[in-house]
C-alpha atoms as a PDB file:
ATOM      1  CA  MET A   1       4.811  45.953  36.369  1.00  0.00           C
ATOM      2  CA  ILE A   2       4.145  42.181  36.192  1.00  0.00           C
ATOM      3  CA  PHE A   3       0.387  42.790  35.985  1.00  0.00           C
ATOM      4  CA  ILE A   4       0.834  45.213  33.098  1.00  0.00           C
ATOM      5  CA  LEU A   5       3.057  42.735  31.266  1.00  0.00           C
ATOM      6  CA  LEU A   6       0.539  39.919  31.852  1.00  0.00           C
ATOM      7  CA  ALA A   7      -2.314  42.152  30.642  1.00  0.00           C
ATOM      8  CA  VAL A   8      -0.361  43.064  27.493  1.00  0.00           C
ATOM      9  CA  LEU A   9       0.512  39.407  26.803  1.00  0.00           C
ATOM     10  CA  CYS A  10      -3.070  38.278  27.414  1.00  0.00           C
ATOM     11  CA  THR A  11      -4.426  41.001  25.125  1.00  0.00           C
ATOM     12  CA  ALA A  12      -1.877  40.109  22.442  1.00  0.00           C
ATOM     13  CA  PHE A  13      -2.744  36.415  22.710  1.00  0.00           C
ATOM     14  CA  ILE A  14      -6.480  37.061  22.425  1.00  0.00           C
ATOM     15  CA  GLY A  15      -5.945  39.529  19.570  1.00  0.00           C
ATOM     16  CA  PHE A  16      -3.745  37.050  17.702  1.00  0.00           C
ATOM     17  CA  GLY A  17      -6.284  34.295  18.388  1.00  0.00           C
ATOM     18  CA  PHE A  18      -9.139  36.271  16.892  1.00  0.00           C
ATOM     19  CA  TYR A  19      -6.934  37.213  13.928  1.00  0.00           C
ATOM     20  CA  LYS A  20      -6.248  33.503  13.307  1.00  0.00           C
ATOM     21  CA  ALA A  21      -9.890  32.627  14.030  1.00  0.00           C
ATOM     22  CA  LYS A  22     -11.012  34.769  11.087  1.00  0.00           C
ATOM     23  CA  SER A  23      -9.843  32.027   8.734  1.00  0.00           C
ATOM     24  CA  LEU A  24     -11.823  29.427  10.714  1.00  0.00           C
ATOM     25  CA  THR A  25     -15.257  31.050  10.546  1.00  0.00           C
ATOM     26  CA  SER A  26     -15.656  29.041   7.349  1.00  0.00           C
ATOM     27  CA  ILE A  27     -13.894  25.679   7.154  1.00  0.00           C
ATOM     28  CA  HIS A  28     -13.778  23.748   3.902  1.00  0.00           C
ATOM     29  CA  ILE A  29     -12.032  20.366   3.770  1.00  0.00           C
ATOM     30  CA  VAL A  30     -11.896  18.168   0.683  1.00  0.00           C
ATOM     31  CA  SER A  31     -10.686  14.572   1.063  1.00  0.00           C
ATOM     32  CA  SER A  32     -10.782  11.645  -1.314  1.00  0.00           C
ATOM     33  CA  VAL A  33     -10.056   7.963  -1.599  1.00  0.00           C
ATOM     34  CA  THR A  34      -9.979   5.434  -4.431  1.00  0.00           C
ATOM     35  CA  ILE A  35     -11.706   2.179  -3.567  1.00  0.00           C
ATOM     36  CA  ASN A  36     -11.351  -1.173  -5.286  1.00  0.00           C
ATOM     37  CA  GLY A  37     -15.089  -1.813  -5.460  1.00  0.00           C
ATOM     38  CA  THR A  38     -17.971  -1.439  -7.847  1.00  0.00           C
ATOM     39  CA  PRO A  39     -19.823   1.875  -7.979  1.00  0.00           C
ATOM     40  CA  ASP A  40     -22.882   0.105  -6.493  1.00  0.00           C
ATOM     41  CA  GLU A  41     -20.926  -1.320  -3.531  1.00  0.00           C
ATOM     42  CA  VAL A  42     -19.263   1.979  -2.710  1.00  0.00           C
ATOM     43  CA  PHE A  43     -22.362   4.119  -3.210  1.00  0.00           C
ATOM     44  CA  ASP A  44     -24.546   1.803  -1.120  1.00  0.00           C
ATOM     45  CA  MET A  45     -22.000   1.739   1.728  1.00  0.00           C
ATOM     46  CA  VAL A  46     -22.459   5.517   2.068  1.00  0.00           C
ATOM     47  CA  LYS A  47     -26.153   5.728   1.157  1.00  0.00           C
ATOM     48  CA  TYR A  48     -27.390   3.181   3.678  1.00  0.00           C
ATOM     49  CA  LEU A  49     -26.760   4.680   7.093  1.00  0.00           C
ATOM     50  CA  ARG A  50     -26.927   1.250   8.731  1.00  0.00           C
ATOM     51  CA  HIS A  51     -23.469   0.700   7.184  1.00  0.00           C
ATOM     52  CA  PHE A  52     -21.965   3.833   8.758  1.00  0.00           C
ATOM     53  CA  PRO A  53     -20.734   1.981  11.875  1.00  0.00           C
ATOM     54  CA  LYS A  54     -18.453  -0.039   9.555  1.00  0.00           C
ATOM     55  CA  TRP A  55     -16.578   3.109   8.542  1.00  0.00           C
ATOM     56  CA  SER A  56     -17.322   5.712  11.198  1.00  0.00           C
ATOM     57  CA  PRO A  57     -14.147   7.316  12.585  1.00  0.00           C
ATOM     58  CA  PHE A  58     -16.230   8.500  15.545  1.00  0.00           C
ATOM     59  CA  LEU A  59     -17.137   4.949  16.510  1.00  0.00           C
ATOM     60  CA  VAL A  60     -13.438   4.039  16.387  1.00  0.00           C
ATOM     61  CA  GLN A  61     -12.699   6.983  18.705  1.00  0.00           C
ATOM     62  CA  ASP A  62     -15.583   6.018  21.030  1.00  0.00           C
ATOM     63  CA  PRO A  63     -16.515   2.307  20.697  1.00  0.00           C
ATOM     64  CA  THR A  64     -19.232   2.706  23.374  1.00  0.00           C
ATOM     65  CA  GLN A  65     -21.128   5.203  21.226  1.00  0.00           C
ATOM     66  CA  GLN A  66     -24.824   4.377  20.846  1.00  0.00           C
ATOM     67  CA  TYR A  67     -26.454   4.952  17.475  1.00  0.00           C
ATOM     68  CA  GLU A  68     -29.773   4.512  15.724  1.00  0.00           C
ATOM     69  CA  VAL A  69     -31.033   4.961  12.164  1.00  0.00           C
ATOM     70  CA  LYS A  70     -34.386   6.733  11.884  1.00  0.00           C
ATOM     71  CA  GLY A  71     -36.587   7.041   8.824  1.00  0.00           C
ATOM     72  CA  THR A  72     -36.343   4.938   5.694  1.00  0.00           C
ATOM     73  CA  ASP A  73     -32.670   4.021   5.378  1.00  0.00           C
ATOM     74  CA  GLY A  74     -31.051   4.942   2.070  1.00  0.00           C
ATOM     75  CA  THR A  75     -33.549   7.698   1.245  1.00  0.00           C
ATOM     76  CA  VAL A  76     -33.672  11.462   1.621  1.00  0.00           C
ATOM     77  CA  GLY A  77     -34.697  12.210   5.193  1.00  0.00           C
ATOM     78  CA  ALA A  78     -33.040   9.143   6.756  1.00  0.00           C
ATOM     79  CA  GLN A  79     -31.101  10.067   9.888  1.00  0.00           C
ATOM     80  CA  TYR A  80     -28.208   8.530  11.814  1.00  0.00           C
ATOM     81  CA  HIS A  81     -28.426   9.575  15.483  1.00  0.00           C
ATOM     82  CA  TRP A  82     -25.511   9.185  17.901  1.00  0.00           C
ATOM     83  CA  ASN A  83     -24.947   9.557  21.614  1.00  0.00           C
ATOM     84  CA  GLY A  84     -21.409   9.010  22.780  1.00  0.00           C
ATOM     85  CA  ASN A  85     -18.645   9.858  25.174  1.00  0.00           C
ATOM     86  CA  LYS A  86     -20.943   9.163  28.137  1.00  0.00           C
ATOM     87  CA  GLY A  87     -23.556  11.666  26.943  1.00  0.00           C
ATOM     88  CA  LYS A  88     -21.058  14.376  26.005  1.00  0.00           C
ATOM     89  CA  ASP A  89     -21.429  13.840  22.214  1.00  0.00           C
ATOM     90  CA  LEU A  90     -24.928  14.108  20.784  1.00  0.00           C
ATOM     91  CA  GLY A  91     -26.330  14.751  17.345  1.00  0.00           C
ATOM     92  CA  TYR A  92     -27.433  13.300  14.047  1.00  0.00           C
ATOM     93  CA  GLN A  93     -26.697  13.392  10.346  1.00  0.00           C
ATOM     94  CA  GLU A  94     -29.421  13.392   7.719  1.00  0.00           C
ATOM     95  CA  ILE A  95     -29.418  12.539   4.039  1.00  0.00           C
ATOM     96  CA  VAL A  96     -30.662  15.658   2.237  1.00  0.00           C
ATOM     97  CA  SER A  97     -29.966  14.761  -1.404  1.00  0.00           C
ATOM     98  CA  ILE A  98     -29.196  11.700  -3.516  1.00  0.00           C
ATOM     99  CA  GLN A  99     -28.213  11.408  -7.175  1.00  0.00           C
ATOM    100  CA  ASP A 100     -27.848   7.712  -7.943  1.00  0.00           C
ATOM    101  CA  LYS A 101     -24.191   6.611  -8.008  1.00  0.00           C
ATOM    102  CA  LYS A 102     -23.027  10.238  -8.350  1.00  0.00           C
ATOM    103  CA  TYR A 103     -23.739  12.231  -5.195  1.00  0.00           C
ATOM    104  CA  ILE A 104     -25.025  12.068  -1.605  1.00  0.00           C
ATOM    105  CA  GLY A 105     -25.518  15.213   0.460  1.00  0.00           C
ATOM    106  CA  MET A 106     -25.680  15.026   4.248  1.00  0.00           C
ATOM    107  CA  ARG A 107     -26.293  17.650   6.893  1.00  0.00           C
ATOM    108  CA  CYS A 108     -25.223  17.167  10.507  1.00  0.00           C
ATOM    109  CA  ARG A 109     -26.788  18.687  13.568  1.00  0.00           C
ATOM    110  CA  ILE A 110     -24.321  18.504  16.423  1.00  0.00           C
ATOM    111  CA  GLN A 111     -25.851  19.343  19.788  1.00  0.00           C
ATOM    112  CA  LYS A 112     -22.950  18.402  22.112  1.00  0.00           C
ATOM    113  CA  PRO A 113     -20.137  19.115  22.933  1.00  0.00           C
ATOM    114  CA  PHE A 114     -20.862  22.262  20.876  1.00  0.00           C
ATOM    115  CA  VAL A 115     -23.613  23.334  18.514  1.00  0.00           C
ATOM    116  CA  ALA A 116     -22.738  23.108  14.816  1.00  0.00           C
ATOM    117  CA  GLN A 117     -24.284  22.204  11.475  1.00  0.00           C
ATOM    118  CA  PRO A 118     -21.579  20.960   9.131  1.00  0.00           C
ATOM    119  CA  THR A 119     -22.358  19.463   5.746  1.00  0.00           C
ATOM    120  CA  PHE A 120     -20.808  16.431   4.086  1.00  0.00           C
ATOM    121  CA  ASP A 121     -21.158  16.098   0.318  1.00  0.00           C
ATOM    122  CA  TYR A 122     -19.972  12.854  -1.250  1.00  0.00           C
ATOM    123  CA  TYR A 123     -19.166  12.699  -4.967  1.00  0.00           C
ATOM    124  CA  PHE A 124     -18.606   9.367  -6.718  1.00  0.00           C
ATOM    125  CA  SER A 125     -16.758   8.701  -9.977  1.00  0.00           C
ATOM    126  CA  THR A 126     -15.255   5.692 -11.674  1.00  0.00           C
ATOM    127  CA  THR A 127     -11.681   5.435 -12.923  1.00  0.00           C
ATOM    128  CA  SER A 128      -9.524   2.575 -14.155  1.00  0.00           C
ATOM    129  CA  SER A 129      -8.178   2.314 -10.570  1.00  0.00           C
ATOM    130  CA  GLY A 130     -11.606   1.925  -8.969  1.00  0.00           C
ATOM    131  CA  THR A 131     -14.373   4.060  -7.530  1.00  0.00           C
ATOM    132  CA  VAL A 132     -13.283   7.496  -6.308  1.00  0.00           C
ATOM    133  CA  VAL A 133     -15.134   9.040  -3.377  1.00  0.00           C
ATOM    134  CA  LYS A 134     -14.592  12.743  -2.814  1.00  0.00           C
ATOM    135  CA  GLN A 135     -15.845  14.116   0.495  1.00  0.00           C
ATOM    136  CA  ASP A 136     -16.525  17.855   0.617  1.00  0.00           C
ATOM    137  CA  PHE A 137     -16.908  19.053   4.236  1.00  0.00           C
ATOM    138  CA  LYS A 138     -18.085  22.556   5.159  1.00  0.00           C
ATOM    139  CA  LEU A 139     -18.553  24.194   8.538  1.00  0.00           C
ATOM    140  CA  SER A 140     -19.463  27.799   9.290  1.00  0.00           C
ATOM    141  CA  SER A 141     -19.058  29.233  12.769  1.00  0.00           C
ATOM    142  CA  GLY A 142     -19.086  32.507  14.647  1.00  0.00           C
ATOM    143  CA  TRP A 143     -15.993  34.334  15.878  1.00  0.00           C
ATOM    144  CA  VAL A 144     -16.047  32.918  19.396  1.00  0.00           C
ATOM    145  CA  ASP A 145     -16.451  29.327  18.172  1.00  0.00           C
ATOM    146  CA  ALA A 146     -13.734  29.956  15.573  1.00  0.00           C
ATOM    147  CA  PHE A 147     -11.418  31.226  18.328  1.00  0.00           C
ATOM    148  CA  PHE A 148     -11.822  27.953  20.215  1.00  0.00           C
ATOM    149  CA  LEU A 149     -11.406  25.962  16.979  1.00  0.00           C
ATOM    150  CA  TRP A 150      -8.062  27.757  16.539  1.00  0.00           C
ATOM    151  CA  LEU A 151      -7.093  27.390  20.197  1.00  0.00           C
ATOM    152  CA  PHE A 152      -7.551  23.607  20.141  1.00  0.00           C
ATOM    153  CA  GLY A 153      -6.248  23.015  16.599  1.00  0.00           C
ATOM    154  CA  ALA A 154      -9.614  21.637  15.529  1.00  0.00           C
ATOM    155  CA  LYS A 155      -9.201  22.034  11.768  1.00  0.00           C
ATOM    156  CA  SER A 156      -6.195  19.712  11.700  1.00  0.00           C
ATOM    157  CA  SER A 157      -8.115  17.218  13.808  1.00  0.00           C
ATOM    158  CA  MET A 158     -11.110  17.468  11.446  1.00  0.00           C
ATOM    159  CA  GLU A 159      -8.879  16.828   8.433  1.00  0.00           C
ATOM    160  CA  LYS A 160      -7.426  13.708  10.048  1.00  0.00           C
ATOM    161  CA  THR A 161     -10.843  12.432  11.146  1.00  0.00           C
ATOM    162  CA  ASN A 162     -12.384  12.970   7.706  1.00  0.00           C
ATOM    163  CA  GLN A 163      -9.529  11.113   6.011  1.00  0.00           C
ATOM    164  CA  GLN A 164      -9.739   8.339   8.604  1.00  0.00           C
ATOM    165  CA  GLY A 165     -13.428   7.929   7.748  1.00  0.00           C
ATOM    166  CA  LEU A 166     -12.669   7.592   4.042  1.00  0.00           C
ATOM    167  CA  ASP A 167      -9.866   5.127   4.744  1.00  0.00           C
ATOM    168  CA  LEU A 168     -12.284   3.068   6.863  1.00  0.00           C
ATOM    169  CA  LEU A 169     -14.847   3.249   4.032  1.00  0.00           C
ATOM    170  CA  LYS A 170     -12.214   1.841   1.674  1.00  0.00           C
ATOM    171  CA  LYS A 171     -11.415  -0.959   4.132  1.00  0.00           C
ATOM    172  CA  ALA A 172     -15.110  -1.775   4.685  1.00  0.00           C
ATOM    173  CA  VAL A 173     -15.799  -2.113   0.950  1.00  0.00           C
ATOM    174  CA  GLU A 174     -12.594  -3.927   0.048  1.00  0.00           C
ATOM    175  CA  SER A 175     -12.914  -6.473   2.859  1.00  0.00           C
ATOM    176  CA  LYS A 176     -16.388  -7.635   1.766  1.00  0.00           C
END
């Protein structure tokens, strides 16, 4: 009787997990921040990958992370490579599109701890309060990956990390 009950509970848990995972096969997170800085200062802080360590939430989470910029920094094709968490985090982000002072598109290739290819699109606008940076994050995944994203509450963690990055960007520009 106990084995039947455990089997039913396990099946229900997995079924519920895959039901919830359906909404995580495509994750879309939009975050923004208003920065007291000129459009040039803000745009260049994002465009030049050598500045990313100043506002990387991942470097805050793992200060021993190693990183390297490859290619011509600040241009399409430039890449920011990272290796962190004692070899457990590995990947790179690449600038794929630039529209001067308006938009920067980046694609990530995460190799560890899981394989993923999220995109980060940054939109810049000017208001009377300062320069607004809107980050548009997208990640597509299969059902099994989405199940584990649900199981570990990854979307909430991603939202917090993305906002932390924008808050660090604000701090990096405003403390210049």
